[in-house]
Structure formats: C-alpha cells, structure tokens
Amino acid sequence: MFDWLVKGRGRPAGRPRFRGGCPCGRFWLYRGVVVYLCDRGAGRQGFYVLKKNIIHILRRAVRVLLWGTLAVAGGCMKYGPIPEEDFSYPTPPGEVPEGVFIVCEGNFMYGNATLSFYLPSTGELQNEIFARANGMKLGDVAQSMTIHDGTAYVVVNNSGVIFGIDPVTFRIRRVIRGIGSPRYIWFRGGKAYVTSLYEPRIAVVDVATASVESYIDTPGHTSTEQMVAFGDTLFVSCWSYDDTVLMVDLVAGEVAGEIKVRSQPRQMALDGAGKLWVLTDGGYGEGAAPGPPALYRIDAASGRIEREFVFRMGDTPRGLCVGAAGDTLYFLNGAVWRMDTEADELPQHPFVPASNTIYYALGVDPHRGDVYVGDAIDYQQQGVVYRFAPDGRGLDTLKVGITPTAFCFR
C-alpha cells in the first residue's frame, strides 16, 4: 500500500522536508505522512517506518469512530446524501467561451478531491460544484480534465473513474470505468484514449457507450502519462521510472516509434510552429542514474530532437504550457517562468517570482492569454489560485479546494 503511495503519486513537487533510507530504499515525509519505498523489500528500518504509519492510521481511525459515535448519540450531526443544487452557466451565442474549471486533487486516500468553477469577467467563484450538482463526492485524487464535444471529462486517478459532466450545469452525463489508475484522456472522433499509471497499455474507449473497446499495448513501459497529437501520430510520455516518449500510429493503433529523453518525461505541449515540447523532472535525483531535469524541443513531423535545455541538479520543473499565441512557453520551477519558443537558452529572470510557497499547477487561458497558478500551500488546507495578465499583472486571487492541480478552459 505504501509503495503505491509513493509510486502512484510520484515524488513531492519540491524537495522533501526529510529524507533518509537504507541501501535498498528510501523513506519520505510526504504531505504529513512518512512513507517508505523499498526496491528490494523492506528490512528492519523500513518495517519500523511502516509500523509507525500503520499505528498512526489506526489511531486516527479510532478517533474518527469515537467522535462519530458521540456525535450520533448526542444528535449534534446529521448524516445523509449531499443536497443537489441547480447550476446554469451557458455561453451567450457569438461570444468567446468563458469559464475556468479548477481541478483540486485533494489528499491521497481521503476522497476529498473537488472541482471549482470561475468566471473571469465577474470574479464569481463556485467551489465543490461536482458534489453540489450531483449529490456525491468527486472521489480520490482528481488528476486532469478535458472538454470534448460538449462534455467535460474529469479523470479521478485513485478512484479509477472518469466522469463526463455537462460544462453548463455540471451534472453527470456518463461514467467511464474499468481503467486502472487513469491519468489523462484525449479524443479523436468517437474514441477516447486514456493513459494509466500502472497498466502497460493505453485504453481505447467508445465514447457513445462509455466502455473500453480495445487497448494499445506499450511493451516495456508500465506507466503512460500525457498525450499530444500531431497529424496521425499521438505522442505519449512515459513518466514514472521511465525515459521515453512513445509515438503511436493512430491509424494502425500501435506504437510506431520511441524518443529517448532524460528521466521521467512528464508534461508535453505543442506550439504554433509544430514543435513538441517535453519537460522531464529528472526523477528528482533518484534512481540508478540520477540527473538533472531537461526541456526538449522536438520536431513533431519527424520525431527528431532539435534542442535540449538542461536545468540545474535539484531543480523541479513542472506545469509546462504554451501561451495563447503559440509562441511562448510557461513552466514552474519554484517561480513561474516564461520562455520564447525560439530562445537559445532557459530564461534568467522569472515571469512571476517565487513567494515562499508551493506553486503546483499552471494553466494559460487559450482565449485571453491570462496565466493561472495553483498554490498548494501545504497540501493540507484549501489551496489558492492566482490569476495574472499576459504582462504579469496580478488580476485575482481565489481560494479553492485542497491542492489545485489542473485547469480546464471552456
């Protein structure tokens, strides 16, 4: 279970607050819980750490049951379904679509993922819209969100479910199940392609029936992450403990090639000139061959690497995005950074300086060019989202759910 915690969620975005280990593994203070990762089995030291975690969890469970019993006996709390509310946020005909969904992953194993909705023109913010519209919780660890053909799909990783909701009313339209630890979803025609953290294959879903109809095998790669398409080629990053970007032939339905990069390619983005950008996290300096993270520019038509920009050892870049005009990159590395797609080196000065907090998520409005930054703060309390104009001016500050992790624009 604890190996799942570390491998399923990856390393922390920043440096661990505490780290130690034995010759065959490591333990981490991760979001308030000590977890142990052992590549060859836990020895005495590993067992000691796990034992402390188990005792901590059992104590917490006893406290919850005790307080729940007292509350029921005293009649102070009421239990039951979440009341459903009606929402309606249509886009007027002829106007530019407006509205930003903010995906908040919550805490692993707590089932407290949430979804927020924000209107930039009025500043209106609605939190927990999924639960309030559907009378049920979103689930455990929300990962990503994509809008396709009038339906917004929310991928809930640890719950193993994808909800298709109405982007106007937030009500559930369809549910996709049967994929282990889904991460991202991408569409072409009537099919959806879903990556997985633990399955050596990409699931192909029939959208009309919301059922898995086939798979694209990824031999030798047990973890697939983000997807970006160029023509009939689907580029797929293999993130966890891997160093490969797959090239999937969408016509043949199989892997047609591979691009080798540095350890753990995570985010990808396609710019306006047909260049694929790939950001690796370097494995956070762990593994058999630790190395620094890197940013790659790849010609999407040929799959050829054109440029490699290497970060410093210890850097933790993430959140790669392309600006609205397609000629600017944005990414996080402590601060928020902006880079021209024709640049010869990594930027020297941040777009938004670091502020002694945890910038965890990044998104760029494709219609207006505004930049959204998710602040995890401490991974325990409600997170904050900052909205910046394309020139870096602060525009708004929003208090959302725990750990804002992704943005989806209508």
Protein backbone atom coordinates (compact mmCIF):
# COMPACT_ATOMS: atom_id res chain seq x y z
CA MET A 1 0.00 0.00 0.00
CA PHE A 2 2.80 2.41 0.86
CA ASP A 3 4.76 1.61 -2.30
CA TRP A 4 1.55 2.58 -4.12
CA LEU A 5 1.51 5.90 -2.30
CA VAL A 6 4.97 6.90 -3.46
CA LYS A 7 4.89 5.44 -6.98
CA GLY A 8 1.28 6.35 -7.61
CA ARG A 9 1.70 10.00 -6.71
CA GLY A 10 5.36 10.42 -7.64
CA ARG A 11 7.85 12.42 -5.59
CA PRO A 12 6.83 15.72 -3.99
CA ALA A 13 6.93 18.71 -6.31
CA GLY A 14 9.66 20.34 -4.21
CA ARG A 15 12.49 18.90 -2.18
CA PRO A 16 11.38 16.55 0.61
CA ARG A 17 11.35 18.04 4.07
CA PHE A 18 13.01 14.92 5.42
CA ARG A 19 14.70 12.03 3.70
CA GLY A 20 16.66 9.01 4.73
CA GLY A 21 16.93 5.36 3.84
CA CYS A 22 18.75 2.07 3.74
CA PRO A 23 20.78 0.55 0.86
CA CYS A 24 17.64 -0.78 -0.86
CA GLY A 25 15.16 2.03 -0.38
CA ARG A 26 14.13 5.45 0.86
CA PHE A 27 11.57 6.94 3.17
CA TRP A 28 10.00 10.37 2.80
CA LEU A 29 8.00 12.83 4.84
CA TYR A 30 5.33 13.28 2.17
CA ARG A 31 2.35 15.57 2.82
CA GLY A 32 2.46 14.93 6.53
CA VAL A 33 2.91 11.13 6.32
CA VAL A 34 6.15 9.16 6.48
CA VAL A 35 6.21 6.68 3.59
CA TYR A 36 8.76 4.04 2.66
CA LEU A 37 9.84 2.96 -0.80
CA CYS A 38 11.95 -0.18 -0.98
CA ASP A 39 13.09 -1.57 -4.32
CA ARG A 40 14.00 -4.98 -2.93
CA GLY A 41 11.74 -5.39 0.07
CA ALA A 42 11.56 -3.62 3.40
CA GLY A 43 14.13 -4.52 6.02
CA ARG A 44 14.06 -3.66 9.69
CA GLN A 45 14.36 0.08 9.14
CA GLY A 46 11.63 0.08 6.51
CA PHE A 47 9.36 -2.04 8.70
CA TYR A 48 9.85 0.38 11.58
CA VAL A 49 8.69 3.31 9.44
CA LEU A 50 5.71 1.42 8.05
CA LYS A 51 4.76 0.23 11.50
CA LYS A 52 4.68 3.82 12.74
CA ASN A 53 2.46 4.77 9.81
CA ILE A 54 0.08 1.89 10.46
CA ILE A 55 -0.18 2.82 14.13
CA HIS A 56 -0.82 6.45 13.16
CA ILE A 57 -3.59 5.41 10.76
CA LEU A 58 -5.20 3.09 13.32
CA ARG A 59 -5.16 5.82 15.94
CA ARG A 60 -6.77 8.24 13.52
CA ALA A 61 -9.44 5.66 12.62
CA VAL A 62 -10.27 5.06 16.29
CA ARG A 63 -10.60 8.83 16.87
CA VAL A 64 -12.91 9.19 13.89
CA LEU A 65 -15.12 6.30 15.03
CA LEU A 66 -15.22 7.60 18.60
CA TRP A 67 -16.19 11.12 17.63
CA GLY A 68 -18.71 9.80 15.13
CA THR A 69 -20.35 7.67 17.82
CA LEU A 70 -20.50 10.57 20.25
CA ALA A 71 -21.97 12.87 17.61
CA VAL A 72 -24.69 10.39 16.69
CA ALA A 73 -25.51 9.74 20.33
CA GLY A 74 -25.74 13.44 21.05
CA GLY A 75 -27.73 14.24 17.94
CA CYS A 76 -25.31 17.04 17.02
CA MET A 77 -24.59 15.94 13.43
CA LYS A 78 -26.79 14.81 10.58
CA TYR A 79 -25.73 12.25 8.01
CA GLY A 80 -27.21 11.69 4.59
CA PRO A 81 -26.88 12.50 0.93
CA ILE A 82 -25.47 15.81 -0.24
CA PRO A 83 -28.31 18.10 -1.38
CA GLU A 84 -28.28 18.69 -5.14
CA GLU A 85 -28.18 22.24 -6.46
CA ASP A 86 -29.06 23.64 -9.87
CA PHE A 87 -26.38 25.49 -11.84
CA SER A 88 -26.51 27.07 -15.28
CA TYR A 89 -23.57 28.91 -16.85
CA PRO A 90 -24.21 28.99 -20.61
CA THR A 91 -22.07 30.95 -23.05
CA PRO A 92 -24.18 33.53 -24.96
CA PRO A 93 -24.28 32.85 -28.74
CA GLY A 94 -21.49 34.56 -30.65
CA GLU A 95 -19.38 35.34 -27.59
CA VAL A 96 -15.96 33.93 -26.74
CA PRO A 97 -16.36 30.97 -24.36
CA GLU A 98 -15.71 31.91 -20.77
CA GLY A 99 -15.25 29.88 -17.63
CA VAL A 100 -12.36 28.09 -15.95
CA PHE A 101 -12.62 24.72 -14.23
CA ILE A 102 -10.11 24.23 -11.41
CA VAL A 103 -9.31 20.61 -10.58
CA CYS A 104 -8.25 20.09 -6.96
CA GLU A 105 -6.75 16.67 -6.33
CA GLY A 106 -7.24 16.59 -2.55
CA ASN A 107 -5.29 14.19 -0.34
CA PHE A 108 -4.42 10.64 -1.31
CA MET A 109 -6.76 8.09 0.34
CA TYR A 110 -9.02 10.83 1.78
CA GLY A 111 -11.56 11.01 -1.06
CA ASN A 112 -11.66 14.80 -0.88
CA ALA A 113 -10.98 15.80 -4.48
CA THR A 114 -13.09 18.75 -5.63
CA LEU A 115 -13.92 20.81 -8.69
CA SER A 116 -14.29 24.61 -8.81
CA PHE A 117 -15.64 26.93 -11.50
CA TYR A 118 -14.60 30.54 -12.07
CA LEU A 119 -15.92 33.34 -14.31
CA PRO A 120 -13.11 35.87 -15.01
CA SER A 121 -15.43 38.64 -16.22
CA THR A 122 -17.37 38.84 -12.96
CA GLY A 123 -14.97 37.23 -10.50
CA GLU A 124 -17.63 34.70 -9.47
CA LEU A 125 -16.21 31.52 -7.96
CA GLN A 126 -18.15 28.34 -7.17
CA ASN A 127 -16.34 25.63 -5.17
CA GLU A 128 -17.24 21.93 -4.92
CA ILE A 129 -19.51 22.18 -7.93
CA PHE A 130 -19.42 18.45 -8.70
CA ALA A 131 -20.68 17.43 -5.27
CA ARG A 132 -23.23 20.23 -5.14
CA ALA A 133 -24.63 19.48 -8.61
CA ASN A 134 -24.67 15.69 -8.31
CA GLY A 135 -25.18 14.96 -4.63
CA MET A 136 -21.98 12.87 -4.41
CA LYS A 137 -18.28 13.39 -3.87
CA LEU A 138 -15.92 13.57 -6.83
CA GLY A 139 -13.59 10.90 -5.41
CA ASP A 140 -9.96 10.27 -4.54
CA VAL A 141 -7.19 12.24 -6.30
CA ALA A 142 -8.58 14.17 -9.26
CA GLN A 143 -5.88 14.23 -11.93
CA SER A 144 -6.96 16.07 -15.08
CA MET A 145 -9.88 17.44 -17.10
CA THR A 146 -10.62 17.73 -20.83
CA ILE A 147 -13.63 19.13 -22.71
CA HIS A 148 -14.72 17.31 -25.87
CA ASP A 149 -17.84 17.63 -28.00
CA GLY A 150 -19.81 19.50 -25.33
CA THR A 151 -18.90 17.24 -22.42
CA ALA A 152 -16.24 17.87 -19.76
CA TYR A 153 -14.36 14.75 -18.62
CA VAL A 154 -12.81 14.69 -15.14
CA VAL A 155 -10.23 11.94 -14.56
CA VAL A 156 -10.15 10.75 -10.94
CA ASN A 157 -6.96 8.76 -10.59
CA ASN A 158 -7.16 6.75 -7.39
CA SER A 159 -10.92 6.17 -7.72
CA GLY A 160 -10.36 4.64 -11.15
CA VAL A 161 -13.21 6.59 -12.72
CA ILE A 162 -13.77 9.27 -15.36
CA PHE A 163 -16.88 11.44 -15.06
CA GLY A 164 -18.31 13.12 -18.14
CA ILE A 165 -20.26 16.18 -16.98
CA ASP A 166 -22.27 18.95 -18.60
CA PRO A 167 -19.97 22.03 -18.65
CA VAL A 168 -23.00 24.30 -18.17
CA THR A 169 -24.93 22.52 -15.40
CA PHE A 170 -22.09 20.32 -14.01
CA ARG A 171 -24.44 17.30 -13.95
CA ILE A 172 -23.08 13.83 -14.77
CA ARG A 173 -23.74 12.64 -18.34
CA ARG A 174 -21.64 9.48 -18.50
CA VAL A 175 -19.17 7.48 -16.42
CA ILE A 176 -16.14 5.55 -17.70
CA ARG A 177 -14.76 2.76 -15.53
CA GLY A 178 -12.50 -0.27 -15.88
CA ILE A 179 -9.15 1.52 -16.30
CA GLY A 180 -6.57 1.13 -13.54
CA SER A 181 -5.31 4.45 -12.17
CA PRO A 182 -6.31 6.63 -15.17
CA ARG A 183 -4.27 9.79 -15.71
CA TYR A 184 -5.24 11.70 -18.88
CA ILE A 185 -7.86 11.44 -21.62
CA TRP A 186 -7.61 12.53 -25.28
CA PHE A 187 -10.21 12.29 -28.05
CA ARG A 188 -10.41 11.65 -31.76
CA GLY A 189 -13.75 11.12 -33.40
CA GLY A 190 -15.91 8.83 -31.32
CA LYS A 191 -12.97 7.36 -29.41
CA ALA A 192 -11.19 8.36 -26.25
CA TYR A 193 -7.63 7.36 -25.39
CA VAL A 194 -6.82 7.02 -21.68
CA THR A 195 -3.37 6.64 -20.11
CA SER A 196 -2.69 4.73 -16.91
CA LEU A 197 -0.11 4.84 -14.17
CA TYR A 198 0.16 1.05 -13.80
CA GLU A 199 -1.06 -0.64 -16.97
CA PRO A 200 1.36 -1.30 -19.88
CA ARG A 201 -1.24 -0.15 -22.39
CA ILE A 202 -3.43 2.75 -23.44
CA ALA A 203 -7.16 2.14 -23.19
CA VAL A 204 -9.34 2.96 -26.20
CA VAL A 205 -12.87 3.88 -25.13
CA ASP A 206 -16.04 4.02 -27.21
CA VAL A 207 -17.43 7.40 -26.16
CA ALA A 208 -21.04 6.56 -27.04
CA THR A 209 -21.14 3.52 -24.75
CA ALA A 210 -18.50 4.78 -22.24
CA SER A 211 -16.86 1.35 -22.36
CA VAL A 212 -13.33 0.16 -23.15
CA GLU A 213 -13.33 -1.40 -26.62
CA SER A 214 -9.62 -2.15 -27.10
CA TYR A 215 -6.07 -1.39 -25.98
CA ILE A 216 -2.83 -0.15 -27.49
CA ASP A 217 -0.04 -2.13 -25.88
CA THR A 218 3.09 -0.31 -24.69
CA PRO A 219 5.61 -3.14 -24.21
CA GLY A 220 8.32 -2.34 -21.71
CA HIS A 221 6.51 0.78 -20.48
CA THR A 222 4.23 0.34 -17.50
CA SER A 223 3.34 3.99 -16.99
CA THR A 224 1.83 6.36 -19.55
CA GLU A 225 1.03 10.00 -18.86
CA GLN A 226 0.21 12.99 -21.08
CA MET A 227 -0.79 12.84 -24.75
CA VAL A 228 -0.31 15.31 -27.61
CA ALA A 229 -1.38 14.65 -31.21
CA PHE A 230 0.21 15.83 -34.45
CA GLY A 231 -1.49 14.52 -37.57
CA ASP A 232 -1.96 10.77 -37.18
CA THR A 233 0.74 10.48 -34.52
CA LEU A 234 -0.11 10.51 -30.84
CA PHE A 235 2.87 11.35 -28.64
CA VAL A 236 2.64 9.76 -25.18
CA SER A 237 5.02 10.48 -22.30
CA CYS A 238 6.08 7.56 -20.11
CA TRP A 239 6.64 9.23 -16.77
CA SER A 240 7.08 7.05 -13.70
CA TYR A 241 10.56 5.46 -13.68
CA ASP A 242 10.86 5.81 -17.47
CA ASP A 243 12.70 7.91 -20.05
CA THR A 244 10.64 7.56 -23.21
CA VAL A 245 8.10 9.42 -25.34
CA LEU A 246 6.08 6.97 -27.44
CA MET A 247 4.91 7.68 -30.98
CA VAL A 248 1.57 5.94 -31.52
CA ASP A 249 0.23 5.45 -35.05
CA LEU A 250 -3.47 6.27 -34.67
CA VAL A 251 -4.37 4.60 -37.97
CA ALA A 252 -2.67 1.31 -37.17
CA GLY A 253 -3.46 1.53 -33.47
CA GLU A 254 0.03 0.61 -32.31
CA VAL A 255 3.31 2.08 -31.11
CA ALA A 256 5.36 3.04 -34.15
CA GLY A 257 8.42 4.61 -32.54
CA GLU A 258 10.12 5.95 -29.42
CA ILE A 259 12.02 9.09 -28.46
CA LYS A 260 14.53 8.75 -25.64
CA VAL A 261 14.90 11.70 -23.26
CA ARG A 262 16.13 12.24 -19.72
CA SER A 263 14.50 10.58 -16.72
CA GLN A 264 10.74 10.90 -16.23
CA PRO A 265 9.19 12.91 -19.08
CA ARG A 266 6.06 14.36 -17.53
CA GLN A 267 4.42 17.28 -19.36
CA MET A 268 4.20 17.93 -23.09
CA ALA A 269 2.84 20.75 -25.23
CA LEU A 270 2.64 21.57 -28.94
CA ASP A 271 3.49 25.11 -30.05
CA GLY A 272 2.17 27.05 -33.04
CA ALA A 273 5.07 26.00 -35.26
CA GLY A 274 4.51 22.28 -34.90
CA LYS A 275 7.22 21.75 -32.31
CA LEU A 276 6.61 19.31 -29.48
CA TRP A 277 7.96 20.42 -26.12
CA VAL A 278 8.71 17.78 -23.48
CA LEU A 279 9.57 18.53 -19.85
CA THR A 280 11.28 15.90 -17.71
CA ASP A 281 11.61 16.05 -13.93
CA GLY A 282 14.89 14.10 -13.83
CA GLY A 283 13.46 11.52 -11.43
CA TYR A 284 14.01 14.04 -8.63
CA GLY A 285 17.67 12.97 -8.49
CA GLU A 286 16.80 9.39 -7.56
CA GLY A 287 17.28 6.06 -9.32
CA ALA A 288 20.23 4.22 -10.85
CA ALA A 289 21.34 7.17 -12.99
CA PRO A 290 20.22 10.40 -11.32
CA GLY A 291 20.47 13.50 -13.45
CA PRO A 292 19.08 17.00 -13.85
CA PRO A 293 15.70 17.71 -15.46
CA ALA A 294 15.52 18.92 -19.04
CA LEU A 295 13.26 20.64 -21.55
CA TYR A 296 13.22 19.33 -25.14
CA ARG A 297 12.11 20.84 -28.42
CA ILE A 298 11.18 18.09 -30.88
CA ASP A 299 10.09 18.37 -34.49
CA ALA A 300 6.66 16.71 -34.33
CA ALA A 301 6.67 15.78 -38.02
CA SER A 302 9.88 13.73 -37.82
CA GLY A 303 10.25 12.99 -34.11
CA ARG A 304 13.76 14.46 -34.17
CA ILE A 305 15.11 16.24 -31.08
CA GLU A 306 16.15 19.76 -32.05
CA ARG A 307 17.13 21.30 -28.74
CA GLU A 308 17.81 20.17 -25.17
CA PHE A 309 17.73 22.70 -22.34
CA VAL A 310 19.19 21.24 -19.15
CA PHE A 311 18.20 22.53 -15.72
CA ARG A 312 20.38 22.51 -12.62
CA MET A 313 20.55 19.43 -10.44
CA GLY A 314 17.92 19.83 -7.74
CA ASP A 315 15.52 21.90 -9.89
CA THR A 316 11.93 20.65 -10.02
CA PRO A 317 10.26 22.00 -13.18
CA ARG A 318 6.63 21.14 -13.91
CA GLY A 319 3.41 22.54 -15.38
CA LEU A 320 4.54 23.09 -18.99
CA CYS A 321 2.09 25.22 -21.04
CA VAL A 322 2.05 27.06 -24.36
CA GLY A 323 0.75 30.62 -24.48
CA ALA A 324 -2.38 31.67 -26.38
CA ALA A 325 -0.39 32.83 -29.44
CA GLY A 326 1.57 29.57 -29.64
CA ASP A 327 5.00 31.23 -29.49
CA THR A 328 5.64 31.33 -25.74
CA LEU A 329 6.24 28.64 -23.13
CA TYR A 330 5.37 28.81 -19.44
CA PHE A 331 6.53 26.46 -16.70
CA LEU A 332 7.04 26.28 -12.96
CA ASN A 333 10.36 25.87 -11.18
CA GLY A 334 9.89 27.45 -7.79
CA ALA A 335 8.79 30.63 -9.58
CA VAL A 336 6.76 31.00 -12.79
CA TRP A 337 8.93 31.21 -15.90
CA ARG A 338 8.21 32.38 -19.45
CA MET A 339 10.29 31.49 -22.49
CA ASP A 340 10.14 32.28 -26.21
CA THR A 341 9.87 29.14 -28.35
CA GLU A 342 12.84 30.36 -30.43
CA ALA A 343 15.06 31.02 -27.39
CA ASP A 344 18.58 29.60 -27.28
CA GLU A 345 18.69 29.17 -23.50
CA LEU A 346 16.49 28.89 -20.46
CA PRO A 347 15.19 32.21 -19.10
CA GLN A 348 17.27 34.01 -16.49
CA HIS A 349 14.54 36.07 -14.84
CA PRO A 350 11.14 34.76 -13.65
CA PHE A 351 7.81 35.92 -15.05
CA VAL A 352 6.32 35.73 -11.54
CA PRO A 353 8.85 35.42 -8.68
CA ALA A 354 8.55 32.72 -6.06
CA SER A 355 6.76 33.79 -2.89
CA ASN A 356 7.86 31.26 -0.25
CA THR A 357 5.04 28.91 -1.15
CA ILE A 358 4.37 25.91 -3.42
CA TYR A 359 3.40 26.73 -6.99
CA TYR A 360 1.93 23.39 -8.03
CA ALA A 361 -0.21 23.90 -11.14
CA LEU A 362 -0.12 26.15 -14.19
CA GLY A 363 -2.59 26.97 -16.96
CA VAL A 364 -2.95 29.56 -19.74
CA ASP A 365 -6.34 30.74 -20.98
CA PRO A 366 -6.28 29.97 -24.74
CA HIS A 367 -8.76 32.80 -25.47
CA ARG A 368 -7.43 35.66 -23.33
CA GLY A 369 -3.86 34.67 -22.52
CA ASP A 370 -4.28 35.04 -18.76
CA VAL A 371 -1.99 32.85 -16.65
CA TYR A 372 -3.37 30.79 -13.76
CA VAL A 373 -1.11 29.48 -10.99
CA GLY A 374 -2.22 26.93 -8.41
CA ASP A 375 -0.67 27.22 -4.94
CA ALA A 376 -0.78 24.05 -2.85
CA ILE A 377 0.40 25.99 0.26
CA ASP A 378 0.99 22.93 2.46
CA TYR A 379 -1.10 20.22 0.74
CA GLN A 380 -3.43 20.13 3.76
CA GLN A 381 -5.52 23.29 3.73
CA GLN A 382 -7.51 24.89 0.94
CA GLY A 383 -5.28 25.92 -1.93
CA VAL A 384 -5.14 29.27 -3.70
CA VAL A 385 -5.21 30.18 -7.40
CA TYR A 386 -3.59 33.36 -8.68
CA ARG A 387 -4.64 34.89 -11.98
CA PHE A 388 -2.14 37.05 -13.89
CA ALA A 389 -2.49 39.13 -17.05
CA PRO A 390 -0.17 38.30 -20.00
CA ASP A 391 2.10 41.16 -18.85
CA GLY A 392 2.42 39.70 -15.34
CA ARG A 393 -0.02 41.98 -13.51
CA GLY A 394 -1.96 40.29 -10.73
CA LEU A 395 -5.68 40.18 -11.52
CA ASP A 396 -7.37 37.95 -8.96
CA THR A 397 -6.83 35.57 -6.05
CA LEU A 398 -9.14 32.60 -5.49
CA LYS A 399 -9.47 30.22 -2.55
CA VAL A 400 -10.31 26.76 -3.88
CA GLY A 401 -10.02 23.12 -2.78
CA ILE A 402 -7.04 21.18 -1.47
CA THR A 403 -4.07 21.08 -3.88
CA PRO A 404 -5.21 22.72 -7.13
CA THR A 405 -3.58 20.57 -9.79
CA ALA A 406 -5.07 21.38 -13.22
CA PHE A 407 -7.07 23.96 -15.17
CA CYS A 408 -9.58 23.39 -17.94
CA PHE A 409 -10.90 26.27 -20.05
CA ARG A 410 -14.33 26.23 -21.73
